[in-house]
Amino acid sequence: MAFQAKLSSDTILKISNHDNSTHLSLHSDGEDQGSSVSSGEWKNSPTLFETSDGLVLKIEGDETYYTAIKDGSTHSLSSEPDLKDAKEITLEKISDEDVEAHHMKPMEPMKPMAPMKPMDS
């Protein structure tokens, strides 16, 4: 199961759950930043909130996890933030392939060049 949210004109957050971990990736200005947490399987879909301090992602797995998202970076919160005035942001459900498709495959190694032929004189 995977979700995404367009945070601004150039920033996309993608959230996926596999191998008992939640994976977050932020795609902004051609740069990618990723993080993960050992959350277990999700009990509910993730929830994204907009607060006065930035964005907060709530993941309910083995425990409830909160991640702050601000200025193109993510960091885990050690306690539940105050979300009473927060606005929920809709997450779009996407396929797991859409999450993986964004990651480029590594380049194939270059083949060695053929030796140069002697120059005619």
PDB file of N, CA and C in Angstrom:
ATOM      1  N   MET A   1       0.845  -1.166   0.000  1.00  0.00           N
ATOM      2  CA  MET A   1       0.000   0.000   0.000  1.00  0.00           C
ATOM      3  C   MET A   1       0.895   1.236   0.000  1.00  0.00           C
ATOM      4  N   ALA A   2       0.540   2.241  -0.799  1.00  0.00           N
ATOM      5  CA  ALA A   2       1.355   3.443  -0.897  1.00  0.00           C
ATOM      6  C   ALA A   2       0.457   4.659  -1.122  1.00  0.00           C
ATOM      7  N   PHE A   3       0.959   5.821  -0.704  1.00  0.00           N
ATOM      8  CA  PHE A   3       0.234   7.077  -0.838  1.00  0.00           C
ATOM      9  C   PHE A   3       1.207   8.160  -1.251  1.00  0.00           C
ATOM     10  N   GLN A   4       0.644   9.241  -1.807  1.00  0.00           N
ATOM     11  CA  GLN A   4       1.470  10.399  -2.105  1.00  0.00           C
ATOM     12  C   GLN A   4       0.662  11.664  -1.858  1.00  0.00           C
ATOM     13  N   ALA A   5       1.389  12.764  -1.655  1.00  0.00           N
ATOM     14  CA  ALA A   5       0.766  14.079  -1.507  1.00  0.00           C
ATOM     15  C   ALA A   5       1.663  15.097  -2.185  1.00  0.00           C
ATOM     16  N   LYS A   6       1.046  16.007  -2.925  1.00  0.00           N
ATOM     17  CA  LYS A   6       1.796  17.096  -3.539  1.00  0.00           C
ATOM     18  C   LYS A   6       1.835  18.225  -2.515  1.00  0.00           C
ATOM     19  N   LEU A   7       3.018  18.511  -1.987  1.00  0.00           N
ATOM     20  CA  LEU A   7       3.156  19.477  -0.904  1.00  0.00           C
ATOM     21  C   LEU A   7       3.282  20.902  -1.416  1.00  0.00           C
ATOM     22  N   SER A   8       3.924  21.063  -2.549  1.00  0.00           N
ATOM     23  CA  SER A   8       4.034  22.367  -3.200  1.00  0.00           C
ATOM     24  C   SER A   8       4.227  22.089  -4.679  1.00  0.00           C
ATOM     25  N   SER A   9       4.424  23.142  -5.449  1.00  0.00           N
ATOM     26  CA  SER A   9       4.533  22.954  -6.898  1.00  0.00           C
ATOM     27  C   SER A   9       5.684  22.032  -7.282  1.00  0.00           C
ATOM     28  N   ASP A  10       6.701  21.930  -6.422  1.00  0.00           N
ATOM     29  CA  ASP A  10       7.855  21.111  -6.794  1.00  0.00           C
ATOM     30  C   ASP A  10       8.210  20.037  -5.767  1.00  0.00           C
ATOM     31  N   THR A  11       7.353  19.780  -4.784  1.00  0.00           N
ATOM     32  CA  THR A  11       7.670  18.789  -3.759  1.00  0.00           C
ATOM     33  C   THR A  11       6.562  17.750  -3.655  1.00  0.00           C
ATOM     34  N   ILE A  12       6.959  16.483  -3.738  1.00  0.00           N
ATOM     35  CA  ILE A  12       6.011  15.371  -3.618  1.00  0.00           C
ATOM     36  C   ILE A  12       6.500  14.441  -2.514  1.00  0.00           C
ATOM     37  N   LEU A  13       5.577  14.083  -1.621  1.00  0.00           N
ATOM     38  CA  LEU A  13       5.848  13.125  -0.559  1.00  0.00           C
ATOM     39  C   LEU A  13       5.235  11.795  -0.950  1.00  0.00           C
ATOM     40  N   LYS A  14       6.033  10.726  -0.871  1.00  0.00           N
ATOM     41  CA  LYS A  14       5.515   9.377  -1.128  1.00  0.00           C
ATOM     42  C   LYS A  14       5.742   8.540   0.117  1.00  0.00           C
ATOM     43  N   ILE A  15       4.712   7.764   0.481  1.00  0.00           N
ATOM     44  CA  ILE A  15       4.730   6.966   1.697  1.00  0.00           C
ATOM     45  C   ILE A  15       4.351   5.543   1.313  1.00  0.00           C
ATOM     46  N   SER A  16       5.150   4.566   1.720  1.00  0.00           N
ATOM     47  CA  SER A  16       4.814   3.177   1.422  1.00  0.00           C
ATOM     48  C   SER A  16       5.129   2.308   2.632  1.00  0.00           C
ATOM     49  N   ASN A  17       4.499   1.139   2.681  1.00  0.00           N
ATOM     50  CA  ASN A  17       4.697   0.197   3.775  1.00  0.00           C
ATOM     51  C   ASN A  17       4.982  -1.167   3.182  1.00  0.00           C
ATOM     52  N   HIS A  18       6.187  -1.656   3.400  1.00  0.00           N
ATOM     53  CA  HIS A  18       6.522  -3.029   3.020  1.00  0.00           C
ATOM     54  C   HIS A  18       7.671  -3.511   3.888  1.00  0.00           C
ATOM     55  N   ASP A  19       7.761  -4.809   4.036  1.00  0.00           N
ATOM     56  CA  ASP A  19       8.767  -5.441   4.900  1.00  0.00           C
ATOM     57  C   ASP A  19       8.691  -4.901   6.328  1.00  0.00           C
ATOM     58  N   ASN A  20       7.460  -4.651   6.827  1.00  0.00           N
ATOM     59  CA  ASN A  20       7.231  -4.156   8.187  1.00  0.00           C
ATOM     60  C   ASN A  20       7.871  -2.798   8.468  1.00  0.00           C
ATOM     61  N   SER A  21       8.149  -2.036   7.404  1.00  0.00           N
ATOM     62  CA  SER A  21       8.709  -0.697   7.564  1.00  0.00           C
ATOM     63  C   SER A  21       7.890   0.307   6.760  1.00  0.00           C
ATOM     64  N   THR A  22       7.858   1.530   7.265  1.00  0.00           N
ATOM     65  CA  THR A  22       7.250   2.628   6.530  1.00  0.00           C
ATOM     66  C   THR A  22       8.379   3.413   5.880  1.00  0.00           C
ATOM     67  N   HIS A  23       8.272   3.622   4.582  1.00  0.00           N
ATOM     68  CA  HIS A  23       9.296   4.345   3.828  1.00  0.00           C
ATOM     69  C   HIS A  23       8.718   5.674   3.368  1.00  0.00           C
ATOM     70  N   LEU A  24       9.431   6.750   3.647  1.00  0.00           N
ATOM     71  CA  LEU A  24       9.042   8.090   3.202  1.00  0.00           C
ATOM     72  C   LEU A  24      10.061   8.561   2.191  1.00  0.00           C
ATOM     73  N   SER A  25       9.600   9.198   1.139  1.00  0.00           N
ATOM     74  CA  SER A  25      10.525   9.834   0.215  1.00  0.00           C
ATOM     75  C   SER A  25       9.967  11.189  -0.188  1.00  0.00           C
ATOM     76  N   LEU A  26      10.840  12.180  -0.138  1.00  0.00           N
ATOM     77  CA  LEU A  26      10.509  13.541  -0.555  1.00  0.00           C
ATOM     78  C   LEU A  26      11.248  13.811  -1.847  1.00  0.00           C
ATOM     79  N   HIS A  27      10.522  14.229  -2.860  1.00  0.00           N
ATOM     80  CA  HIS A  27      11.101  14.551  -4.159  1.00  0.00           C
ATOM     81  C   HIS A  27      10.915  16.053  -4.364  1.00  0.00           C
ATOM     82  N   SER A  28      12.034  16.783  -4.399  1.00  0.00           N
ATOM     83  CA  SER A  28      11.957  18.231  -4.515  1.00  0.00           C
ATOM     84  C   SER A  28      13.109  18.746  -5.363  1.00  0.00           C
ATOM     85  N   ASP A  29      12.799  19.555  -6.352  1.00  0.00           N
ATOM     86  CA  ASP A  29      13.825  20.161  -7.214  1.00  0.00           C
ATOM     87  C   ASP A  29      14.812  19.135  -7.752  1.00  0.00           C
ATOM     88  N   GLY A  30      14.319  17.969  -8.138  1.00  0.00           N
ATOM     89  CA  GLY A  30      15.188  16.943  -8.699  1.00  0.00           C
ATOM     90  C   GLY A  30      15.987  16.188  -7.651  1.00  0.00           C
ATOM     91  N   GLU A  31      15.838  16.544  -6.379  1.00  0.00           N
ATOM     92  CA  GLU A  31      16.554  15.880  -5.304  1.00  0.00           C
ATOM     93  C   GLU A  31      15.602  14.941  -4.568  1.00  0.00           C
ATOM     94  N   ASP A  32      16.127  13.826  -4.096  1.00  0.00           N
ATOM     95  CA  ASP A  32      15.327  12.869  -3.331  1.00  0.00           C
ATOM     96  C   ASP A  32      15.909  12.746  -1.936  1.00  0.00           C
ATOM     97  N   GLN A  33      15.018  12.673  -0.960  1.00  0.00           N
ATOM     98  CA  GLN A  33      15.449  12.373   0.398  1.00  0.00           C
ATOM     99  C   GLN A  33      14.541  11.279   0.917  1.00  0.00           C
ATOM    100  N   GLY A  34      15.105  10.271   1.515  1.00  0.00           N
ATOM    101  CA  GLY A  34      14.300   9.167   2.008  1.00  0.00           C
ATOM    102  C   GLY A  34      14.608   8.845   3.450  1.00  0.00           C
ATOM    103  N   SER A  35      13.625   8.261   4.117  1.00  0.00           N
ATOM    104  CA  SER A  35      13.823   7.771   5.471  1.00  0.00           C
ATOM    105  C   SER A  35      12.849   6.625   5.694  1.00  0.00           C
ATOM    106  N   SER A  36      13.090   5.853   6.729  1.00  0.00           N
ATOM    107  CA  SER A  36      12.170   4.758   7.029  1.00  0.00           C
ATOM    108  C   SER A  36      12.134   4.528   8.530  1.00  0.00           C
ATOM    109  N   VAL A  37      11.051   3.897   8.958  1.00  0.00           N
ATOM    110  CA  VAL A  37      10.876   3.549  10.363  1.00  0.00           C
ATOM    111  C   VAL A  37      10.305   2.140  10.419  1.00  0.00           C
ATOM    112  N   SER A  38      10.774   1.354  11.391  1.00  0.00           N
ATOM    113  CA  SER A  38      10.254  -0.009  11.574  1.00  0.00           C
ATOM    114  C   SER A  38       8.912   0.098  12.284  1.00  0.00           C
ATOM    115  N   SER A  39       7.855   0.211  11.499  1.00  0.00           N
ATOM    116  CA  SER A  39       6.522   0.493  12.027  1.00  0.00           C
ATOM    117  C   SER A  39       5.660  -0.753  12.154  1.00  0.00           C
ATOM    118  N   GLY A  40       6.051  -1.837  11.500  1.00  0.00           N
ATOM    119  CA  GLY A  40       5.158  -2.976  11.381  1.00  0.00           C
ATOM    120  C   GLY A  40       4.126  -2.664  10.308  1.00  0.00           C
ATOM    121  N   GLU A  41       3.166  -3.555  10.140  1.00  0.00           N
ATOM    122  CA  GLU A  41       2.096  -3.312   9.160  1.00  0.00           C
ATOM    123  C   GLU A  41       1.196  -2.185   9.668  1.00  0.00           C
ATOM    124  N   TRP A  42       0.690  -1.385   8.734  1.00  0.00           N
ATOM    125  CA  TRP A  42      -0.198  -0.286   9.112  1.00  0.00           C
ATOM    126  C   TRP A  42      -1.530  -0.826   9.608  1.00  0.00           C
ATOM    127  N   LYS A  43      -2.048  -0.233  10.676  1.00  0.00           N
ATOM    128  CA  LYS A  43      -3.388  -0.562  11.171  1.00  0.00           C
ATOM    129  C   LYS A  43      -4.436   0.335  10.492  1.00  0.00           C
ATOM    130  N   ASN A  44      -4.030   1.532  10.096  1.00  0.00           N
ATOM    131  CA  ASN A  44      -4.864   2.490   9.360  1.00  0.00           C
ATOM    132  C   ASN A  44      -3.996   3.151   8.305  1.00  0.00           C
ATOM    133  N   SER A  45      -4.638   3.801   7.357  1.00  0.00           N
ATOM    134  CA  SER A  45      -3.887   4.565   6.360  1.00  0.00           C
ATOM    135  C   SER A  45      -3.169   5.720   7.055  1.00  0.00           C
ATOM    136  N   PRO A  46      -2.007   6.140   6.529  1.00  0.00           N
ATOM    137  CA  PRO A  46      -1.308   7.272   7.130  1.00  0.00           C
ATOM    138  C   PRO A  46      -2.156   8.547   7.036  1.00  0.00           C
ATOM    139  N   THR A  47      -1.894   9.482   7.929  1.00  0.00           N
ATOM    140  CA  THR A  47      -2.608  10.750   7.947  1.00  0.00           C
ATOM    141  C   THR A  47      -1.589  11.879   7.935  1.00  0.00           C
ATOM    142  N   LEU A  48      -1.804  12.866   7.058  1.00  0.00           N
ATOM    143  CA  LEU A  48      -0.902  14.004   6.948  1.00  0.00           C
ATOM    144  C   LEU A  48      -1.632  15.253   7.422  1.00  0.00           C
ATOM    145  N   PHE A  49      -0.976  16.009   8.314  1.00  0.00           N
ATOM    146  CA  PHE A  49      -1.571  17.216   8.875  1.00  0.00           C
ATOM    147  C   PHE A  49      -0.701  18.428   8.555  1.00  0.00           C
ATOM    148  N   GLU A  50      -1.366  19.565   8.324  1.00  0.00           N
ATOM    149  CA  GLU A  50      -0.654  20.835   8.175  1.00  0.00           C
ATOM    150  C   GLU A  50      -0.828  21.603   9.475  1.00  0.00           C
ATOM    151  N   THR A  51       0.294  21.948  10.102  1.00  0.00           N
ATOM    152  CA  THR A  51       0.267  22.701  11.356  1.00  0.00           C
ATOM    153  C   THR A  51       0.952  24.048  11.131  1.00  0.00           C
ATOM    154  N   SER A  52       0.933  24.878  12.148  1.00  0.00           N
ATOM    155  CA  SER A  52       1.606  26.180  12.034  1.00  0.00           C
ATOM    156  C   SER A  52       3.121  26.014  11.918  1.00  0.00           C
ATOM    157  N   ASP A  53       3.650  24.860  12.361  1.00  0.00           N
ATOM    158  CA  ASP A  53       5.092  24.608  12.300  1.00  0.00           C
ATOM    159  C   ASP A  53       5.525  23.825  11.076  1.00  0.00           C
ATOM    160  N   GLY A  54       4.595  23.417  10.220  1.00  0.00           N
ATOM    161  CA  GLY A  54       4.929  22.598   9.057  1.00  0.00           C
ATOM    162  C   GLY A  54       3.977  21.430   8.965  1.00  0.00           C
ATOM    163  N   LEU A  55       4.446  20.332   8.419  1.00  0.00           N
ATOM    164  CA  LEU A  55       3.607  19.154   8.226  1.00  0.00           C
ATOM    165  C   LEU A  55       3.967  18.070   9.227  1.00  0.00           C
ATOM    166  N   VAL A  56       2.958  17.288   9.589  1.00  0.00           N
ATOM    167  CA  VAL A  56       3.177  16.153  10.486  1.00  0.00           C
ATOM    168  C   VAL A  56       2.487  14.938   9.876  1.00  0.00           C
ATOM    169  N   LEU A  57       3.237  13.841   9.755  1.00  0.00           N
ATOM    170  CA  LEU A  57       2.701  12.593   9.240  1.00  0.00           C
ATOM    171  C   LEU A  57       2.489  11.638  10.408  1.00  0.00           C
ATOM    172  N   LYS A  58       1.286  11.058  10.487  1.00  0.00           N
ATOM    173  CA  LYS A  58       0.952  10.101  11.545  1.00  0.00           C
ATOM    174  C   LYS A  58       0.852   8.709  10.929  1.00  0.00           C
ATOM    175  N   ILE A  59       1.613   7.768  11.476  1.00  0.00           N
ATOM    176  CA  ILE A  59       1.604   6.380  11.022  1.00  0.00           C
ATOM    177  C   ILE A  59       1.169   5.514  12.200  1.00  0.00           C
ATOM    178  N   GLU A  60       0.154   4.696  11.988  1.00  0.00           N
ATOM    179  CA  GLU A  60      -0.308   3.783  13.027  1.00  0.00           C
ATOM    180  C   GLU A  60       0.061   2.363  12.624  1.00  0.00           C
ATOM    181  N   GLY A  61       1.093   1.850  13.274  1.00  0.00           N
ATOM    182  CA  GLY A  61       1.548   0.481  13.043  1.00  0.00           C
ATOM    183  C   GLY A  61       1.587  -0.245  14.371  1.00  0.00           C
ATOM    184  N   ASP A  62       2.741  -0.853  14.699  1.00  0.00           N
ATOM    185  CA  ASP A  62       2.899  -1.497  16.007  1.00  0.00           C
ATOM    186  C   ASP A  62       2.683  -0.468  17.110  1.00  0.00           C
ATOM    187  N   GLU A  63       3.129   0.738  16.860  1.00  0.00           N
ATOM    188  CA  GLU A  63       2.909   1.898  17.728  1.00  0.00           C
ATOM    189  C   GLU A  63       2.445   3.024  16.814  1.00  0.00           C
ATOM    190  N   THR A  64       2.195   4.197  17.385  1.00  0.00           N
ATOM    191  CA  THR A  64       1.873   5.365  16.564  1.00  0.00           C
ATOM    192  C   THR A  64       3.139   6.200  16.431  1.00  0.00           C
ATOM    193  N   TYR A  65       3.500   6.516  15.188  1.00  0.00           N
ATOM    194  CA  TYR A  65       4.714   7.266  14.890  1.00  0.00           C
ATOM    195  C   TYR A  65       4.333   8.601  14.267  1.00  0.00           C
ATOM    196  N   TYR A  66       5.085   9.644  14.637  1.00  0.00           N
ATOM    197  CA  TYR A  66       4.878  10.971  14.073  1.00  0.00           C
ATOM    198  C   TYR A  66       6.184  11.436  13.442  1.00  0.00           C
ATOM    199  N   THR A  67       6.072  11.977  12.236  1.00  0.00           N
ATOM    200  CA  THR A  67       7.234  12.508  11.531  1.00  0.00           C
ATOM    201  C   THR A  67       6.937  13.940  11.116  1.00  0.00           C
ATOM    202  N   ALA A  68       7.853  14.842  11.443  1.00  0.00           N
ATOM    203  CA  ALA A  68       7.721  16.237  11.025  1.00  0.00           C
ATOM    204  C   ALA A  68       8.362  16.397   9.651  1.00  0.00           C
ATOM    205  N   ILE A  69       7.705  17.178   8.788  1.00  0.00           N
ATOM    206  CA  ILE A  69       8.219  17.442   7.444  1.00  0.00           C
ATOM    207  C   ILE A  69       8.264  18.948   7.276  1.00  0.00           C
ATOM    208  N   LYS A  70       9.468  19.459   7.075  1.00  0.00           N
ATOM    209  CA  LYS A  70       9.619  20.912   6.951  1.00  0.00           C
ATOM    210  C   LYS A  70      10.857  21.222   6.118  1.00  0.00           C
ATOM    211  N   ASP A  71      10.725  22.175   5.227  1.00  0.00           N
ATOM    212  CA  ASP A  71      11.851  22.633   4.399  1.00  0.00           C
ATOM    213  C   ASP A  71      12.561  21.492   3.676  1.00  0.00           C
ATOM    214  N   GLY A  72      11.784  20.545   3.150  1.00  0.00           N
ATOM    215  CA  GLY A  72      12.354  19.474   2.349  1.00  0.00           C
ATOM    216  C   GLY A  72      13.078  18.400   3.139  1.00  0.00           C
ATOM    217  N   SER A  73      12.855  18.350   4.457  1.00  0.00           N
ATOM    218  CA  SER A  73      13.493  17.291   5.238  1.00  0.00           C
ATOM    219  C   SER A  73      12.487  16.692   6.219  1.00  0.00           C
ATOM    220  N   THR A  74      12.808  15.512   6.716  1.00  0.00           N
ATOM    221  CA  THR A  74      11.928  14.812   7.645  1.00  0.00           C
ATOM    222  C   THR A  74      12.701  14.483   8.914  1.00  0.00           C
ATOM    223  N   HIS A  75      12.005  14.471  10.046  1.00  0.00           N
ATOM    224  CA  HIS A  75      12.605  13.952  11.275  1.00  0.00           C
ATOM    225  C   HIS A  75      11.516  13.412  12.188  1.00  0.00           C
ATOM    226  N   SER A  76      11.848  12.325  12.877  1.00  0.00           N
ATOM    227  CA  SER A  76      10.897  11.667  13.768  1.00  0.00           C
ATOM    228  C   SER A  76      10.670  12.515  15.006  1.00  0.00           C
ATOM    229  N   LEU A  77       9.433  12.499  15.466  1.00  0.00           N
ATOM    230  CA  LEU A  77       9.085  13.199  16.699  1.00  0.00           C
ATOM    231  C   LEU A  77       8.994  12.178  17.824  1.00  0.00           C
ATOM    232  N   SER A  78       9.504  12.536  18.999  1.00  0.00           N
ATOM    233  CA  SER A  78       9.513  11.599  20.118  1.00  0.00           C
ATOM    234  C   SER A  78       8.188  11.559  20.871  1.00  0.00           C
ATOM    235  N   SER A  79       7.348  12.575  20.655  1.00  0.00           N
ATOM    236  CA  SER A  79       6.050  12.579  21.331  1.00  0.00           C
ATOM    237  C   SER A  79       4.975  13.087  20.371  1.00  0.00           C
ATOM    238  N   GLU A  80       3.729  12.867  20.734  1.00  0.00           N
ATOM    239  CA  GLU A  80       2.608  13.291  19.895  1.00  0.00           C
ATOM    240  C   GLU A  80       2.524  14.812  19.876  1.00  0.00           C
ATOM    241  N   PRO A  81       2.527  15.408  18.676  1.00  0.00           N
ATOM    242  CA  PRO A  81       2.421  16.870  18.592  1.00  0.00           C
ATOM    243  C   PRO A  81       0.974  17.326  18.807  1.00  0.00           C
ATOM    244  N   ASP A  82       0.805  18.600  19.058  1.00  0.00           N
ATOM    245  CA  ASP A  82      -0.529  19.179  19.225  1.00  0.00           C
ATOM    246  C   ASP A  82      -1.149  19.329  17.837  1.00  0.00           C
ATOM    247  N   LEU A  83      -2.181  18.546  17.561  1.00  0.00           N
ATOM    248  CA  LEU A  83      -2.814  18.556  16.238  1.00  0.00           C
ATOM    249  C   LEU A  83      -4.241  19.108  16.279  1.00  0.00           C
ATOM    250  N   LYS A  84      -4.644  19.750  17.392  1.00  0.00           N
ATOM    251  CA  LYS A  84      -6.045  20.172  17.506  1.00  0.00           C
ATOM    252  C   LYS A  84      -6.424  21.248  16.490  1.00  0.00           C
ATOM    253  N   ASP A  85      -5.494  22.111  16.090  1.00  0.00           N
ATOM    254  CA  ASP A  85      -5.789  23.138  15.091  1.00  0.00           C
ATOM    255  C   ASP A  85      -5.230  22.782  13.713  1.00  0.00           C
ATOM    256  N   ALA A  86      -4.740  21.565  13.576  1.00  0.00           N
ATOM    257  CA  ALA A  86      -4.127  21.147  12.313  1.00  0.00           C
ATOM    258  C   ALA A  86      -5.196  20.821  11.274  1.00  0.00           C
ATOM    259  N   LYS A  87      -4.819  21.044  10.015  1.00  0.00           N
ATOM    260  CA  LYS A  87      -5.710  20.726   8.899  1.00  0.00           C
ATOM    261  C   LYS A  87      -5.214  19.446   8.239  1.00  0.00           C
ATOM    262  N   GLU A  88      -6.126  18.492   8.009  1.00  0.00           N
ATOM    263  CA  GLU A  88      -5.734  17.239   7.379  1.00  0.00           C
ATOM    264  C   GLU A  88      -5.563  17.455   5.882  1.00  0.00           C
ATOM    265  N   ILE A  89      -4.475  16.920   5.345  1.00  0.00           N
ATOM    266  CA  ILE A  89      -4.193  16.999   3.911  1.00  0.00           C
ATOM    267  C   ILE A  89      -4.504  15.636   3.299  1.00  0.00           C
ATOM    268  N   THR A  90      -5.238  15.637   2.203  1.00  0.00           N
ATOM    269  CA  THR A  90      -5.635  14.390   1.549  1.00  0.00           C
ATOM    270  C   THR A  90      -4.430  13.706   0.923  1.00  0.00           C
ATOM    271  N   LEU A  91      -4.305  12.412   1.201  1.00  0.00           N
ATOM    272  CA  LEU A  91      -3.271  11.592   0.581  1.00  0.00           C
ATOM    273  C   LEU A  91      -3.905  10.795  -0.549  1.00  0.00           C
ATOM    274  N   GLU A  92      -3.234  10.780  -1.682  1.00  0.00           N
ATOM    275  CA  GLU A  92      -3.720  10.046  -2.856  1.00  0.00           C
ATOM    276  C   GLU A  92      -3.145   8.635  -2.820  1.00  0.00           C
ATOM    277  N   LYS A  93      -4.011   7.636  -2.959  1.00  0.00           N
ATOM    278  CA  LYS A  93      -3.551   6.250  -2.973  1.00  0.00           C
ATOM    279  C   LYS A  93      -2.893   5.970  -4.322  1.00  0.00           C
ATOM    280  N   ILE A  94      -1.703   5.383  -4.276  1.00  0.00           N
ATOM    281  CA  ILE A  94      -0.976   5.038  -5.497  1.00  0.00           C
ATOM    282  C   ILE A  94      -0.519   3.591  -5.383  1.00  0.00           C
ATOM    283  N   SER A  95      -0.087   3.031  -6.490  1.00  0.00           N
ATOM    284  CA  SER A  95       0.395   1.648  -6.460  1.00  0.00           C
ATOM    285  C   SER A  95       1.836   1.615  -5.956  1.00  0.00           C
ATOM    286  N   ASP A  96       2.227   0.478  -5.427  1.00  0.00           N
ATOM    287  CA  ASP A  96       3.613   0.314  -4.977  1.00  0.00           C
ATOM    288  C   ASP A  96       4.587   0.533  -6.126  1.00  0.00           C
ATOM    289  N   GLU A  97       4.171   0.174  -7.337  1.00  0.00           N
ATOM    290  CA  GLU A  97       5.036   0.369  -8.507  1.00  0.00           C
ATOM    291  C   GLU A  97       5.304   1.851  -8.753  1.00  0.00           C
ATOM    292  N   ASP A  98       4.307   2.712  -8.462  1.00  0.00           N
ATOM    293  CA  ASP A  98       4.510   4.158  -8.637  1.00  0.00           C
ATOM    294  C   ASP A  98       5.579   4.684  -7.698  1.00  0.00           C
ATOM    295  N   VAL A  99       5.700   4.086  -6.521  1.00  0.00           N
ATOM    296  CA  VAL A  99       6.734   4.501  -5.579  1.00  0.00           C
ATOM    297  C   VAL A  99       8.097   4.070  -6.100  1.00  0.00           C
ATOM    298  N   GLU A 100       8.175   2.813  -6.548  1.00  0.00           N
ATOM    299  CA  GLU A 100       9.446   2.282  -7.021  1.00  0.00           C
ATOM    300  C   GLU A 100       9.858   2.880  -8.360  1.00  0.00           C
ATOM    301  N   ALA A 101       8.897   3.251  -9.185  1.00  0.00           N
ATOM    302  CA  ALA A 101       9.210   3.736 -10.531  1.00  0.00           C
ATOM    303  C   ALA A 101      10.005   5.026 -10.503  1.00  0.00           C
ATOM    304  N   HIS A 102       9.851   5.789  -9.443  1.00  0.00           N
ATOM    305  CA  HIS A 102      10.555   7.071  -9.399  1.00  0.00           C
ATOM    306  C   HIS A 102      12.062   6.883  -9.231  1.00  0.00           C
ATOM    307  N   HIS A 103      12.444   5.793  -8.582  1.00  0.00           N
ATOM    308  CA  HIS A 103      13.864   5.562  -8.355  1.00  0.00           C
ATOM    309  C   HIS A 103      14.502   5.062  -9.646  1.00  0.00           C
ATOM    310  N   MET A 104      15.559   5.745 -10.050  1.00  0.00           N
ATOM    311  CA  MET A 104      16.220   5.366 -11.296  1.00  0.00           C
ATOM    312  C   MET A 104      17.039   4.099 -11.081  1.00  0.00           C
ATOM    313  N   LYS A 105      17.118   3.311 -12.114  1.00  0.00           N
ATOM    314  CA  LYS A 105      17.984   2.138 -12.076  1.00  0.00           C
ATOM    315  C   LYS A 105      19.419   2.623 -12.243  1.00  0.00           C
ATOM    316  N   PRO A 106      20.381   1.929 -11.631  1.00  0.00           N
ATOM    317  CA  PRO A 106      21.774   2.345 -11.802  1.00  0.00           C
ATOM    318  C   PRO A 106      22.196   2.222 -13.256  1.00  0.00           C
ATOM    319  N   MET A 107      23.136   3.059 -13.639  1.00  0.00           N
ATOM    320  CA  MET A 107      23.643   3.007 -15.013  1.00  0.00           C
ATOM    321  C   MET A 107      24.398   1.709 -15.233  1.00  0.00           C
ATOM    322  N   GLU A 108      24.319   1.216 -16.452  1.00  0.00           N
ATOM    323  CA  GLU A 108      25.121   0.052 -16.832  1.00  0.00           C
ATOM    324  C   GLU A 108      26.580   0.490 -16.893  1.00  0.00           C
ATOM    325  N   PRO A 109      27.508  -0.380 -16.517  1.00  0.00           N
ATOM    326  CA  PRO A 109      28.922   0.005 -16.643  1.00  0.00           C
ATOM    327  C   PRO A 109      29.276   0.252 -18.106  1.00  0.00           C
ATOM    328  N   MET A 110      30.173   1.183 -18.306  1.00  0.00           N
ATOM    329  CA  MET A 110      30.599   1.479 -19.685  1.00  0.00           C
ATOM    330  C   MET A 110      31.441   0.339 -20.212  1.00  0.00           C
ATOM    331  N   LYS A 111      31.300   0.073 -21.489  1.00  0.00           N
ATOM    332  CA  LYS A 111      32.107  -0.963 -22.123  1.00  0.00           C
ATOM    333  C   LYS A 111      33.473  -0.354 -22.450  1.00  0.00           C
ATOM    334  N   PRO A 112      34.517  -1.178 -22.347  1.00  0.00           N
ATOM    335  CA  PRO A 112      35.845  -0.626 -22.654  1.00  0.00           C
ATOM    336  C   PRO A 112      35.925  -0.205 -24.126  1.00  0.00           C
ATOM    337  N   MET A 113      36.718   0.824 -24.359  1.00  0.00           N
ATOM    338  CA  MET A 113      36.897   1.295 -25.745  1.00  0.00           C
ATOM    339  C   MET A 113      37.836   0.348 -26.495  1.00  0.00           C
ATOM    340  N   ALA A 114      37.583   0.213 -27.772  1.00  0.00           N
ATOM    341  CA  ALA A 114      38.476  -0.602 -28.602  1.00  0.00           C
ATOM    342  C   ALA A 114      39.800   0.159 -28.763  1.00  0.00           C
ATOM    343  N   PRO A 115      40.905  -0.590 -28.884  1.00  0.00           N
ATOM    344  CA  PRO A 115      42.205   0.105 -29.079  1.00  0.00           C
ATOM    345  C   PRO A 115      42.171   0.935 -30.361  1.00  0.00           C
ATOM    346  N   MET A 116      42.915   2.031 -30.341  1.00  0.00           N
ATOM    347  CA  MET A 116      42.954   2.895 -31.532  1.00  0.00           C
ATOM    348  C   MET A 116      43.774   2.227 -32.621  1.00  0.00           C
ATOM    349  N   LYS A 117      43.350   2.434 -33.854  1.00  0.00           N
ATOM    350  CA  LYS A 117      44.110   1.888 -34.984  1.00  0.00           C
ATOM    351  C   LYS A 117      45.280   2.820 -35.277  1.00  0.00           C
ATOM    352  N   PRO A 118      46.368   2.253 -35.787  1.00  0.00           N
ATOM    353  CA  PRO A 118      47.500   3.125 -36.116  1.00  0.00           C
ATOM    354  C   PRO A 118      47.096   4.136 -37.208  1.00  0.00           C
ATOM    355  N   MET A 119      47.674   5.312 -37.117  1.00  0.00           N
ATOM    356  CA  MET A 119      47.353   6.342 -38.118  1.00  0.00           C
ATOM    357  C   MET A 119      48.140   6.056 -39.392  1.00  0.00           C
ATOM    358  N   ASP A 120      47.515   6.274 -40.535  1.00  0.00           N
ATOM    359  CA  ASP A 120      48.215   6.116 -41.826  1.00  0.00           C
ATOM    360  C   ASP A 120      49.102   7.329 -42.035  1.00  0.00           C
ATOM    361  N   SER A 121      50.321   7.093 -42.536  1.00  0.00           N
ATOM    362  CA  SER A 121      51.193   8.254 -42.799  1.00  0.00           C
ATOM    363  C   SER A 121      51.382   8.500 -44.257  1.00  0.00           C
TER     364      SER A 121
END
